[in-house]
N, C-alpha and C. Protein backbone atom coordinates (compact mmCIF):
# COMPACT_ATOMS: atom_id res chain seq x y z
N UNK A 1 39.42 91.71 119.00
CA UNK A 1 40.77 92.22 119.21
C UNK A 1 41.02 93.39 118.26
N UNK A 2 41.70 94.40 118.78
CA UNK A 2 42.09 95.57 117.98
C UNK A 2 43.62 95.63 117.94
N UNK A 3 44.14 95.88 116.76
CA UNK A 3 45.59 95.84 116.52
C UNK A 3 46.09 97.18 116.01
N UNK A 4 47.19 97.65 116.58
CA UNK A 4 47.89 98.84 116.08
C UNK A 4 49.00 98.33 115.17
N UNK A 5 48.97 98.76 113.91
CA UNK A 5 49.98 98.36 112.94
C UNK A 5 50.79 99.58 112.53
N UNK A 6 52.10 99.49 112.69
CA UNK A 6 52.98 100.59 112.30
C UNK A 6 54.35 100.01 111.95
N UNK A 7 55.23 100.87 111.49
CA UNK A 7 56.58 100.43 111.13
C UNK A 7 57.32 101.51 110.37
N UNK A 8 58.32 101.05 109.67
CA UNK A 8 59.21 101.97 108.96
C UNK A 8 58.48 102.81 107.92
N UNK A 9 58.98 104.01 107.70
CA UNK A 9 58.52 104.85 106.60
C UNK A 9 59.16 104.30 105.32
N UNK A 10 58.59 104.65 104.19
CA UNK A 10 59.09 104.11 102.93
C UNK A 10 60.57 104.47 102.69
N UNK A 11 60.95 105.69 103.00
CA UNK A 11 62.33 106.11 102.75
C UNK A 11 63.32 105.43 103.68
N UNK A 12 62.86 105.00 104.86
CA UNK A 12 63.74 104.28 105.78
C UNK A 12 64.06 102.88 105.27
N UNK A 13 63.24 102.41 104.33
CA UNK A 13 63.47 101.10 103.72
C UNK A 13 64.05 101.26 102.31
N UNK A 14 64.45 102.47 101.98
CA UNK A 14 64.99 102.79 100.65
C UNK A 14 64.01 102.43 99.53
N UNK A 15 62.75 102.69 99.79
CA UNK A 15 61.71 102.48 98.78
C UNK A 15 61.14 103.86 98.45
N UNK A 16 61.36 104.28 97.20
CA UNK A 16 60.98 105.64 96.82
C UNK A 16 59.94 105.69 95.70
N UNK A 17 59.75 104.59 95.00
CA UNK A 17 58.80 104.56 93.88
C UNK A 17 57.62 103.65 94.22
N UNK A 18 56.40 104.07 93.90
CA UNK A 18 55.24 103.23 94.20
C UNK A 18 55.22 101.93 93.39
N UNK A 19 56.06 101.84 92.38
CA UNK A 19 56.12 100.63 91.55
C UNK A 19 57.21 99.65 92.02
N UNK A 20 57.92 99.98 93.09
CA UNK A 20 58.97 99.11 93.62
C UNK A 20 58.36 97.75 93.97
N UNK A 21 58.94 96.67 93.45
CA UNK A 21 58.40 95.32 93.66
C UNK A 21 58.40 94.90 95.13
N UNK A 22 59.25 95.50 95.94
CA UNK A 22 59.28 95.15 97.36
C UNK A 22 57.98 95.52 98.07
N UNK A 23 57.28 96.52 97.55
CA UNK A 23 56.01 96.93 98.16
C UNK A 23 55.00 95.78 98.05
N UNK A 24 54.94 95.16 96.90
CA UNK A 24 54.01 94.03 96.71
C UNK A 24 54.33 92.92 97.71
N UNK A 25 55.60 92.63 97.88
CA UNK A 25 56.00 91.58 98.82
C UNK A 25 55.63 91.97 100.25
N UNK A 26 55.93 93.20 100.62
CA UNK A 26 55.59 93.67 101.97
C UNK A 26 54.08 93.62 102.21
N UNK A 27 53.30 94.03 101.23
CA UNK A 27 51.84 93.97 101.37
C UNK A 27 51.37 92.53 101.61
N UNK A 28 51.93 91.62 100.83
CA UNK A 28 51.53 90.21 100.98
C UNK A 28 51.96 89.64 102.33
N UNK A 29 53.14 90.01 102.79
CA UNK A 29 53.61 89.54 104.10
C UNK A 29 52.74 90.10 105.22
N UNK A 30 52.38 91.37 105.11
CA UNK A 30 51.50 91.99 106.11
C UNK A 30 50.11 91.36 106.06
N UNK A 31 49.62 91.11 104.88
CA UNK A 31 48.31 90.47 104.72
C UNK A 31 48.31 89.09 105.39
N UNK A 32 49.39 88.36 105.21
CA UNK A 32 49.52 87.04 105.82
C UNK A 32 49.52 87.14 107.34
N UNK A 33 50.25 88.11 107.88
CA UNK A 33 50.27 88.32 109.33
C UNK A 33 48.88 88.68 109.85
N UNK A 34 48.20 89.55 109.13
CA UNK A 34 46.85 89.96 109.54
C UNK A 34 45.88 88.79 109.45
N UNK A 35 46.04 87.95 108.44
CA UNK A 35 45.18 86.76 108.30
C UNK A 35 45.32 85.87 109.53
N UNK A 36 46.54 85.67 109.99
CA UNK A 36 46.76 84.88 111.20
C UNK A 36 46.09 85.54 112.41
N UNK A 37 46.17 86.85 112.48
CA UNK A 37 45.56 87.57 113.60
C UNK A 37 44.02 87.47 113.54
N UNK A 38 43.45 87.50 112.33
CA UNK A 38 42.00 87.34 112.17
C UNK A 38 41.58 85.98 112.72
N UNK A 39 42.37 84.96 112.42
CA UNK A 39 42.10 83.61 112.92
C UNK A 39 42.06 83.60 114.45
N UNK A 40 42.83 84.49 115.07
CA UNK A 40 42.90 84.58 116.53
C UNK A 40 41.98 85.66 117.11
N UNK A 41 41.07 86.21 116.29
CA UNK A 41 40.07 87.12 116.82
C UNK A 41 40.21 88.59 116.44
N UNK A 42 41.09 88.92 115.52
CA UNK A 42 41.26 90.31 115.10
C UNK A 42 39.98 90.84 114.47
N UNK A 43 39.54 92.01 114.95
CA UNK A 43 38.34 92.66 114.41
C UNK A 43 38.64 94.02 113.78
N UNK A 44 39.61 94.76 114.36
CA UNK A 44 39.96 96.09 113.88
C UNK A 44 41.46 96.21 113.71
N UNK A 45 41.89 96.85 112.63
CA UNK A 45 43.28 97.23 112.41
C UNK A 45 43.31 98.76 112.45
N UNK A 46 44.11 99.31 113.36
CA UNK A 46 44.24 100.76 113.50
C UNK A 46 45.62 101.17 113.03
N UNK A 47 45.67 102.17 112.17
CA UNK A 47 46.93 102.63 111.60
C UNK A 47 46.96 104.14 111.52
N UNK A 48 48.18 104.67 111.43
CA UNK A 48 48.37 106.07 111.08
C UNK A 48 48.39 106.16 109.56
N UNK A 49 48.77 107.27 109.03
CA UNK A 49 48.74 107.42 107.58
C UNK A 49 50.10 107.64 106.94
N UNK A 50 51.17 107.35 107.67
CA UNK A 50 52.51 107.60 107.12
C UNK A 50 52.78 106.73 105.90
N UNK A 51 53.44 107.29 104.88
CA UNK A 51 53.86 106.48 103.74
C UNK A 51 54.84 105.41 104.23
N UNK A 52 54.64 104.21 103.75
CA UNK A 52 55.48 103.09 104.18
C UNK A 52 54.60 102.01 104.78
N UNK A 53 55.06 101.40 105.85
CA UNK A 53 54.37 100.26 106.45
C UNK A 53 52.93 100.59 106.82
N UNK A 54 52.67 101.79 107.33
CA UNK A 54 51.30 102.12 107.72
C UNK A 54 50.36 102.11 106.51
N UNK A 55 50.75 102.74 105.43
CA UNK A 55 49.88 102.76 104.25
C UNK A 55 49.82 101.38 103.59
N UNK A 56 50.96 100.70 103.48
CA UNK A 56 50.94 99.36 102.87
C UNK A 56 50.15 98.39 103.74
N UNK A 57 50.25 98.56 105.05
CA UNK A 57 49.48 97.73 105.97
C UNK A 57 47.99 97.98 105.82
N UNK A 58 47.61 99.24 105.64
CA UNK A 58 46.20 99.57 105.43
C UNK A 58 45.71 98.95 104.12
N UNK A 59 46.53 99.02 103.08
CA UNK A 59 46.17 98.41 101.80
C UNK A 59 46.02 96.89 101.94
N UNK A 60 46.92 96.28 102.71
CA UNK A 60 46.85 94.83 102.95
C UNK A 60 45.57 94.48 103.70
N UNK A 61 45.24 95.27 104.71
CA UNK A 61 44.03 95.02 105.50
C UNK A 61 42.77 95.20 104.65
N UNK A 62 42.75 96.23 103.82
CA UNK A 62 41.61 96.45 102.93
C UNK A 62 41.47 95.27 101.96
N UNK A 63 42.57 94.79 101.42
CA UNK A 63 42.54 93.63 100.52
C UNK A 63 42.03 92.38 101.24
N UNK A 64 42.42 92.23 102.50
CA UNK A 64 42.01 91.07 103.28
C UNK A 64 40.50 91.06 103.54
N UNK A 65 39.89 92.24 103.55
CA UNK A 65 38.45 92.34 103.77
C UNK A 65 37.64 91.59 102.71
N UNK A 66 38.24 91.33 101.57
CA UNK A 66 37.52 90.59 100.51
C UNK A 66 37.18 89.18 100.98
N UNK A 67 38.06 88.57 101.75
CA UNK A 67 37.81 87.23 102.28
C UNK A 67 37.41 87.26 103.75
N UNK A 68 37.63 88.37 104.41
CA UNK A 68 37.29 88.54 105.84
C UNK A 68 36.43 89.81 105.98
N UNK A 69 35.17 89.75 105.53
CA UNK A 69 34.35 90.97 105.49
C UNK A 69 34.05 91.59 106.86
N UNK A 70 34.23 90.84 107.94
CA UNK A 70 33.98 91.40 109.27
C UNK A 70 35.15 92.24 109.78
N UNK A 71 36.30 92.14 109.12
CA UNK A 71 37.46 92.92 109.52
C UNK A 71 37.22 94.39 109.21
N UNK A 72 37.58 95.25 110.14
CA UNK A 72 37.43 96.70 109.96
C UNK A 72 38.81 97.35 110.00
N UNK A 73 38.95 98.44 109.25
CA UNK A 73 40.22 99.16 109.16
C UNK A 73 39.98 100.63 109.48
N UNK A 74 40.77 101.15 110.42
CA UNK A 74 40.64 102.55 110.82
C UNK A 74 41.96 103.27 110.57
N UNK A 75 41.87 104.39 109.91
CA UNK A 75 43.02 105.26 109.67
C UNK A 75 42.89 106.42 110.66
N UNK A 76 43.75 106.40 111.68
CA UNK A 76 43.70 107.41 112.73
C UNK A 76 44.95 108.29 112.63
N UNK A 77 44.75 109.49 112.16
CA UNK A 77 45.86 110.41 111.93
C UNK A 77 46.18 111.16 113.21
N UNK A 78 47.43 111.52 113.42
CA UNK A 78 47.81 112.16 114.68
C UNK A 78 47.24 113.57 114.87
N UNK A 79 47.01 114.29 113.78
CA UNK A 79 46.54 115.67 113.89
C UNK A 79 45.84 116.10 112.61
N UNK A 80 45.10 117.20 112.68
CA UNK A 80 44.38 117.74 111.53
C UNK A 80 45.38 118.20 110.46
N UNK A 81 44.95 118.12 109.22
CA UNK A 81 45.75 118.53 108.07
C UNK A 81 47.01 117.67 107.91
N UNK A 82 46.97 116.46 108.46
CA UNK A 82 48.09 115.53 108.35
C UNK A 82 48.38 115.28 106.87
N UNK A 83 49.64 115.40 106.49
CA UNK A 83 50.06 115.13 105.12
C UNK A 83 49.89 116.28 104.15
N UNK A 84 49.40 117.43 104.61
CA UNK A 84 49.12 118.52 103.67
C UNK A 84 50.38 119.16 103.10
N UNK A 85 51.54 118.83 103.64
CA UNK A 85 52.80 119.38 103.10
C UNK A 85 53.56 118.36 102.26
N UNK A 86 52.98 117.20 102.07
CA UNK A 86 53.61 116.16 101.26
C UNK A 86 53.50 116.53 99.78
N UNK A 87 54.28 115.82 98.98
CA UNK A 87 54.17 115.96 97.53
C UNK A 87 52.76 115.54 97.11
N UNK A 88 52.26 116.13 96.02
CA UNK A 88 50.88 115.84 95.59
C UNK A 88 50.57 114.35 95.42
N UNK A 89 51.52 113.57 94.90
CA UNK A 89 51.24 112.14 94.70
C UNK A 89 51.09 111.40 96.03
N UNK A 90 51.81 111.84 97.05
CA UNK A 90 51.68 111.21 98.38
C UNK A 90 50.37 111.64 99.04
N UNK A 91 49.98 112.89 98.82
CA UNK A 91 48.69 113.36 99.34
C UNK A 91 47.55 112.58 98.68
N UNK A 92 47.68 112.36 97.38
CA UNK A 92 46.64 111.62 96.64
C UNK A 92 46.55 110.18 97.13
N UNK A 93 47.68 109.56 97.42
CA UNK A 93 47.67 108.18 97.93
C UNK A 93 46.96 108.12 99.28
N UNK A 94 47.22 109.09 100.15
CA UNK A 94 46.56 109.13 101.45
C UNK A 94 45.06 109.36 101.28
N UNK A 95 44.68 110.28 100.40
CA UNK A 95 43.26 110.55 100.15
C UNK A 95 42.54 109.31 99.63
N UNK A 96 43.21 108.58 98.74
CA UNK A 96 42.62 107.35 98.20
C UNK A 96 42.42 106.32 99.30
N UNK A 97 43.41 106.20 100.16
CA UNK A 97 43.34 105.25 101.28
C UNK A 97 42.19 105.61 102.23
N UNK A 98 42.01 106.90 102.47
CA UNK A 98 40.91 107.34 103.33
C UNK A 98 39.55 106.87 102.80
N UNK A 99 39.43 106.79 101.47
CA UNK A 99 38.17 106.36 100.85
C UNK A 99 37.95 104.86 100.99
N UNK A 100 39.02 104.10 101.21
CA UNK A 100 38.92 102.63 101.22
C UNK A 100 38.71 102.04 102.61
N UNK A 101 39.09 102.76 103.65
CA UNK A 101 39.00 102.21 105.01
C UNK A 101 37.61 102.43 105.58
N UNK A 102 37.33 101.78 106.70
CA UNK A 102 36.01 101.87 107.33
C UNK A 102 35.83 103.13 108.16
N UNK A 103 36.93 103.65 108.67
CA UNK A 103 36.85 104.83 109.53
C UNK A 103 38.11 105.65 109.38
N UNK A 104 37.95 106.97 109.33
CA UNK A 104 39.08 107.90 109.31
C UNK A 104 38.82 108.98 110.34
N UNK A 105 39.85 109.32 111.10
CA UNK A 105 39.71 110.38 112.08
C UNK A 105 41.07 110.94 112.48
N UNK A 106 41.04 112.00 113.25
CA UNK A 106 42.28 112.61 113.76
C UNK A 106 42.23 112.60 115.28
N UNK A 107 43.34 112.25 115.90
CA UNK A 107 43.42 112.25 117.36
C UNK A 107 43.40 113.68 117.88
N UNK A 108 44.12 114.58 117.22
CA UNK A 108 44.08 116.00 117.57
C UNK A 108 43.36 116.74 116.45
N UNK A 109 42.43 117.57 116.80
CA UNK A 109 41.68 118.33 115.80
C UNK A 109 42.44 119.58 115.34
N UNK A 110 43.59 119.82 115.95
CA UNK A 110 44.42 120.97 115.59
C UNK A 110 45.49 120.55 114.58
N UNK A 111 45.91 121.43 113.68
CA UNK A 111 47.07 121.13 112.83
C UNK A 111 48.31 120.95 113.72
N UNK A 112 49.37 120.46 113.15
CA UNK A 112 50.57 120.17 113.92
C UNK A 112 51.10 121.44 114.59
N UNK A 113 51.33 121.33 115.90
CA UNK A 113 51.91 122.45 116.64
C UNK A 113 53.11 122.02 117.48
N UNK A 114 53.13 120.74 117.91
CA UNK A 114 54.20 120.32 118.82
C UNK A 114 54.32 118.80 118.83
N UNK A 115 55.51 118.28 119.17
CA UNK A 115 55.70 116.83 119.24
C UNK A 115 54.75 116.13 120.22
N UNK A 116 54.21 116.87 121.17
CA UNK A 116 53.28 116.26 122.13
C UNK A 116 52.08 115.63 121.42
N UNK A 117 51.68 116.19 120.29
CA UNK A 117 50.57 115.62 119.54
C UNK A 117 50.90 114.20 119.08
N UNK A 118 52.15 113.96 118.71
CA UNK A 118 52.56 112.62 118.28
C UNK A 118 52.59 111.66 119.47
N UNK A 119 53.03 112.15 120.63
CA UNK A 119 53.01 111.31 121.84
C UNK A 119 51.57 111.01 122.26
N UNK A 120 50.70 111.99 122.14
CA UNK A 120 49.28 111.77 122.45
C UNK A 120 48.68 110.74 121.51
N UNK A 121 49.06 110.81 120.25
CA UNK A 121 48.58 109.84 119.27
C UNK A 121 49.05 108.43 119.65
N UNK A 122 50.32 108.29 120.02
CA UNK A 122 50.82 106.98 120.45
C UNK A 122 50.02 106.45 121.64
N UNK A 123 49.78 107.30 122.62
CA UNK A 123 49.02 106.88 123.80
C UNK A 123 47.59 106.48 123.41
N UNK A 124 47.01 107.23 122.50
CA UNK A 124 45.67 106.89 122.02
C UNK A 124 45.67 105.51 121.38
N UNK A 125 46.64 105.27 120.53
CA UNK A 125 46.73 103.97 119.84
C UNK A 125 46.92 102.84 120.85
N UNK A 126 47.76 103.04 121.83
CA UNK A 126 47.99 102.02 122.85
C UNK A 126 46.72 101.76 123.66
N UNK A 127 46.03 102.81 124.05
CA UNK A 127 44.86 102.67 124.90
C UNK A 127 43.65 102.09 124.17
N UNK A 128 43.66 102.18 122.85
CA UNK A 128 42.50 101.72 122.07
C UNK A 128 42.78 100.45 121.28
N UNK A 129 43.87 99.78 121.59
CA UNK A 129 44.19 98.51 120.95
C UNK A 129 44.59 97.48 121.99
N UNK A 130 44.57 96.23 121.59
CA UNK A 130 44.94 95.13 122.48
C UNK A 130 46.37 94.66 122.26
N UNK A 131 46.89 94.95 121.09
CA UNK A 131 48.26 94.57 120.77
C UNK A 131 48.77 95.39 119.59
N UNK A 132 50.08 95.28 119.36
CA UNK A 132 50.72 96.02 118.26
C UNK A 132 51.50 95.06 117.38
N UNK A 133 51.52 95.39 116.11
CA UNK A 133 52.35 94.70 115.12
C UNK A 133 53.26 95.77 114.53
N UNK A 134 54.55 95.64 114.80
CA UNK A 134 55.52 96.62 114.33
C UNK A 134 56.50 95.97 113.36
N UNK A 135 56.65 96.57 112.20
CA UNK A 135 57.73 96.19 111.29
C UNK A 135 58.88 97.11 111.67
N UNK A 136 59.74 96.56 112.53
CA UNK A 136 60.79 97.38 113.11
C UNK A 136 61.87 96.48 113.69
N UNK A 137 63.10 96.92 113.57
CA UNK A 137 64.24 96.21 114.13
C UNK A 137 65.03 97.19 114.98
N UNK A 138 65.14 96.93 116.29
CA UNK A 138 65.87 97.86 117.17
C UNK A 138 67.32 98.09 116.73
N UNK A 139 67.88 97.17 115.93
CA UNK A 139 69.24 97.36 115.44
C UNK A 139 69.31 98.37 114.30
N UNK A 140 68.15 98.69 113.73
CA UNK A 140 68.08 99.64 112.61
C UNK A 140 67.04 100.71 112.95
N UNK A 141 67.42 101.64 113.85
CA UNK A 141 66.43 102.63 114.30
C UNK A 141 65.88 103.49 113.16
N UNK A 142 64.69 103.88 113.34
CA UNK A 142 64.00 104.78 112.43
C UNK A 142 62.96 105.51 113.25
N UNK A 143 62.08 106.22 112.59
CA UNK A 143 61.06 106.98 113.33
C UNK A 143 60.15 106.07 114.15
N UNK A 144 60.02 104.83 113.74
CA UNK A 144 59.18 103.88 114.47
C UNK A 144 59.76 103.53 115.84
N UNK A 145 61.01 103.92 116.08
CA UNK A 145 61.60 103.63 117.39
C UNK A 145 60.78 104.27 118.51
N UNK A 146 60.12 105.39 118.23
CA UNK A 146 59.32 106.05 119.24
C UNK A 146 58.07 105.23 119.58
N UNK A 147 57.47 104.62 118.57
CA UNK A 147 56.34 103.74 118.82
C UNK A 147 56.80 102.50 119.59
N UNK A 148 57.94 101.95 119.19
CA UNK A 148 58.50 100.78 119.87
C UNK A 148 58.77 101.10 121.35
N UNK A 149 59.39 102.24 121.60
CA UNK A 149 59.67 102.64 122.99
C UNK A 149 58.38 102.86 123.78
N UNK A 150 57.37 103.43 123.13
CA UNK A 150 56.09 103.66 123.80
C UNK A 150 55.43 102.33 124.17
N UNK A 151 55.50 101.36 123.26
CA UNK A 151 54.94 100.04 123.54
C UNK A 151 55.66 99.39 124.71
N UNK A 152 56.99 99.43 124.68
CA UNK A 152 57.78 98.81 125.75
C UNK A 152 57.46 99.46 127.11
N UNK A 153 57.31 100.76 127.13
CA UNK A 153 56.97 101.46 128.37
C UNK A 153 55.56 101.08 128.83
N UNK A 154 54.64 101.02 127.88
CA UNK A 154 53.25 100.66 128.18
C UNK A 154 53.17 99.24 128.74
N UNK A 155 54.00 98.35 128.22
CA UNK A 155 54.02 96.96 128.68
C UNK A 155 54.46 96.84 130.14
N UNK A 156 55.14 97.82 130.65
CA UNK A 156 55.55 97.79 132.05
C UNK A 156 54.36 97.98 132.99
N UNK A 157 53.29 98.59 132.48
CA UNK A 157 52.11 98.87 133.29
C UNK A 157 50.92 97.97 132.98
N UNK A 158 50.89 97.44 131.76
CA UNK A 158 49.72 96.67 131.32
C UNK A 158 50.16 95.47 130.49
N UNK A 159 49.26 94.49 130.43
CA UNK A 159 49.48 93.37 129.51
C UNK A 159 49.13 93.86 128.12
N UNK A 160 50.12 93.81 127.25
CA UNK A 160 49.94 94.31 125.89
C UNK A 160 50.91 93.55 124.99
N UNK A 161 50.35 92.80 124.06
CA UNK A 161 51.19 91.98 123.19
C UNK A 161 51.84 92.81 122.09
N UNK A 162 53.04 92.42 121.75
CA UNK A 162 53.80 93.06 120.67
C UNK A 162 54.34 91.98 119.75
N UNK A 163 53.99 92.08 118.48
CA UNK A 163 54.60 91.25 117.45
C UNK A 163 55.58 92.14 116.71
N UNK A 164 56.84 91.76 116.77
CA UNK A 164 57.91 92.55 116.16
C UNK A 164 58.44 91.81 114.94
N UNK A 165 58.28 92.41 113.78
CA UNK A 165 58.80 91.84 112.54
C UNK A 165 60.10 92.56 112.22
N UNK A 166 61.21 91.91 112.51
CA UNK A 166 62.52 92.55 112.36
C UNK A 166 63.13 92.25 110.99
N UNK A 167 64.34 92.73 110.77
CA UNK A 167 65.00 92.56 109.47
C UNK A 167 65.23 91.10 109.11
N UNK A 168 65.60 90.30 110.10
CA UNK A 168 65.78 88.86 109.83
C UNK A 168 64.47 88.25 109.36
N UNK A 169 63.39 88.58 110.05
CA UNK A 169 62.08 88.05 109.65
C UNK A 169 61.74 88.51 108.24
N UNK A 170 61.97 89.79 107.95
CA UNK A 170 61.67 90.31 106.61
C UNK A 170 62.46 89.59 105.53
N UNK A 171 63.74 89.36 105.80
CA UNK A 171 64.60 88.69 104.82
C UNK A 171 64.13 87.26 104.56
N UNK A 172 63.92 86.51 105.61
CA UNK A 172 63.50 85.10 105.47
C UNK A 172 62.12 85.02 104.83
N UNK A 173 61.19 85.83 105.31
CA UNK A 173 59.82 85.80 104.79
C UNK A 173 59.77 86.23 103.33
N UNK A 174 60.57 87.22 102.96
CA UNK A 174 60.62 87.67 101.56
C UNK A 174 61.15 86.56 100.67
N UNK A 175 62.21 85.90 101.11
CA UNK A 175 62.76 84.79 100.32
C UNK A 175 61.74 83.66 100.17
N UNK A 176 61.06 83.32 101.26
CA UNK A 176 60.02 82.29 101.20
C UNK A 176 58.92 82.68 100.22
N UNK A 177 58.49 83.93 100.28
CA UNK A 177 57.45 84.41 99.39
C UNK A 177 57.89 84.31 97.92
N UNK A 178 59.12 84.74 97.66
CA UNK A 178 59.63 84.69 96.27
C UNK A 178 59.74 83.25 95.78
N UNK A 179 60.18 82.35 96.65
CA UNK A 179 60.28 80.94 96.25
C UNK A 179 58.90 80.34 95.98
N UNK A 180 57.92 80.65 96.83
CA UNK A 180 56.56 80.17 96.62
C UNK A 180 55.98 80.73 95.32
N UNK A 181 56.24 82.00 95.05
CA UNK A 181 55.76 82.62 93.81
C UNK A 181 56.38 81.97 92.60
N UNK A 182 57.67 81.67 92.68
CA UNK A 182 58.36 81.01 91.57
C UNK A 182 57.79 79.61 91.34
N UNK A 183 57.49 78.90 92.41
CA UNK A 183 56.90 77.57 92.29
C UNK A 183 55.53 77.64 91.61
N UNK A 184 54.72 78.63 91.98
CA UNK A 184 53.39 78.81 91.39
C UNK A 184 53.52 79.12 89.91
N UNK A 185 54.52 79.94 89.54
CA UNK A 185 54.73 80.30 88.14
C UNK A 185 55.12 79.10 87.31
N UNK A 186 55.80 78.13 87.91
CA UNK A 186 56.22 76.92 87.18
C UNK A 186 55.06 75.94 86.97
N UNK A 187 54.04 76.04 87.78
CA UNK A 187 52.93 75.07 87.68
C UNK A 187 51.96 75.40 86.60
């Protein structure tokens, strides 16, 4: 099974510092979701390179490879020179991630020229995966709404599973994680 993992950008979640403790929680929650998917046959995780859920998801998948060495992680960027206008620290984070994954490539070999490249990237991701895992809540739109809409449209033509991790799920899962961590600290 191949999975497309995407979701909110870091700024859409009001996370601006790489040291924000919520990132650790999100990584662990994503790792747990991926672990369940591995149990059900997950072989490849395909992601874009956007700061936020995509990068944290890639980090979670790379960490999971320590116990699941057959799992593969692909960073598929929408176009050439992706991220070259970001701040240097964000460019460095993407470059570091490229070194850790099993495969890196670009859907379009051209630098960004038009929104069609992003739509082509979405179609590529849909056509090369069996299901999607989105950290997204339709009540709180963000840039991931376009991926969500593409998945919903694709589902009208094909069988394609979608796991949607919404704000309620994030809140409950985060609280559970913090409680479990507190219990471990007491032992």
